[in-house]
C-alpha atoms as a PDB file:
ATOM      1  CA  MET A   1      86.380  90.741  97.288  1.00  0.00           C
ATOM      2  CA  PRO A   2      89.074  92.005  99.899  1.00  0.00           C
ATOM      3  CA  LYS A   3      87.739  93.613 103.064  1.00  0.00           C
ATOM      4  CA  ILE A   4      89.598  95.838 105.533  1.00  0.00           C
ATOM      5  CA  THR A   5      88.485  96.215 109.343  1.00  0.00           C
ATOM      6  CA  ILE A   6      88.611  99.665 111.116  1.00  0.00           C
ATOM      7  CA  ASP A   7      87.226 100.105 114.594  1.00  0.00           C
ATOM      8  CA  ASN A   8      85.879  96.774 114.352  1.00  0.00           C
ATOM      9  CA  ILE A   9      83.838  97.557 111.445  1.00  0.00           C
ATOM     10  CA  GLU A  10      84.398  95.431 108.113  1.00  0.00           C
ATOM     11  CA  TYR A  11      84.559  97.459 104.820  1.00  0.00           C
ATOM     12  CA  ASN A  12      84.343  95.882 101.252  1.00  0.00           C
ATOM     13  CA  THR A  13      87.177  97.531  99.434  1.00  0.00           C
ATOM     14  CA  GLU A  14      85.076  97.322  96.193  1.00  0.00           C
ATOM     15  CA  ASP A  15      82.525  99.647  97.770  1.00  0.00           C
ATOM     16  CA  LEU A  16      85.019 102.316  98.636  1.00  0.00           C
ATOM     17  CA  THR A  17      85.681 105.548  96.387  1.00  0.00           C
ATOM     18  CA  GLU A  18      89.103 105.777  94.732  1.00  0.00           C
ATOM     19  CA  ASN A  19      90.078 108.166  97.738  1.00  0.00           C
ATOM     20  CA  GLY A  20      88.766 105.580 100.248  1.00  0.00           C
ATOM     21  CA  LYS A  21      90.835 102.848  98.838  1.00  0.00           C
ATOM     22  CA  ALA A  22      94.024 105.240  98.816  1.00  0.00           C
ATOM     23  CA  GLN A  23      93.694 105.928 102.463  1.00  0.00           C
ATOM     24  CA  PRO A  24      94.768 102.593 103.849  1.00  0.00           C
ATOM     25  CA  ALA A  25      97.694 102.397 101.520  1.00  0.00           C
ATOM     26  CA  SER A  26      98.779 106.026 102.556  1.00  0.00           C
ATOM     27  CA  LEU A  27      98.560 104.981 106.269  1.00  0.00           C
ATOM     28  CA  GLN A  28     100.493 101.883 105.474  1.00  0.00           C
ATOM     29  CA  PHE A  29     103.101 103.928 103.905  1.00  0.00           C
ATOM     30  CA  LEU A  30     103.236 106.499 106.744  1.00  0.00           C
ATOM     31  CA  GLU A  31     103.416 103.646 109.460  1.00  0.00           C
ATOM     32  CA  GLY A  32     106.497 102.170 107.510  1.00  0.00           C
ATOM     33  CA  GLN A  33     108.246 105.687 107.313  1.00  0.00           C
ATOM     34  CA  MET A  34     107.675 106.215 111.024  1.00  0.00           C
ATOM     35  CA  LYS A  35     109.249 102.850 111.803  1.00  0.00           C
ATOM     36  CA  ASN A  36     112.240 103.783 109.700  1.00  0.00           C
ATOM     37  CA  CYS A  37     112.555 107.134 111.491  1.00  0.00           C
ATOM     38  CA  VAL A  38     112.442 105.334 114.688  1.00  0.00           C
ATOM     39  CA  MET A  39     115.181 102.791 113.756  1.00  0.00           C
ATOM     40  CA  LYS A  40     117.419 105.480 112.286  1.00  0.00           C
ATOM     41  CA  SER A  41     117.222 107.732 115.262  1.00  0.00           C
ATOM     42  CA  PRO A  42     119.853 107.605 118.212  1.00  0.00           C
ATOM     43  CA  PRO A  43     118.736 106.422 121.631  1.00  0.00           C
ATOM     44  CA  ILE A  44     117.767 109.285 123.805  1.00  0.00           C
ATOM     45  CA  LYS A  45     120.342 109.981 126.695  1.00  0.00           C
ATOM     46  CA  PRO A  46     119.350 111.931 129.647  1.00  0.00           C
ATOM     47  CA  ARG A  47     121.518 115.017 130.288  1.00  0.00           C
ATOM     48  CA  ASN A  48     122.406 114.154 133.675  1.00  0.00           C
ATOM     49  CA  ALA A  49     123.334 110.530 133.057  1.00  0.00           C
ATOM     50  CA  PRO A  50     126.569 110.745 135.142  1.00  0.00           C
ATOM     51  CA  ILE A  51     124.503 111.849 138.140  1.00  0.00           C
ATOM     52  CA  LEU A  52     122.043 108.928 137.738  1.00  0.00           C
ATOM     53  CA  GLN A  53     124.876 106.518 137.766  1.00  0.00           C
ATOM     54  CA  ARG A  54     125.976 107.271 141.527  1.00  0.00           C
END
């Protein structure tokens, strides 16, 4: 009987609808995709970087 906790409320996954069961999996997938995007994107450099180095 796996349980998940959302906003400090514990839910029994067996009591959820199919859609309710799919939502946490979807969120976990999206979280992983966002982490991948952050890791792949180059660091942001300010346009006036040489001015800031004076």
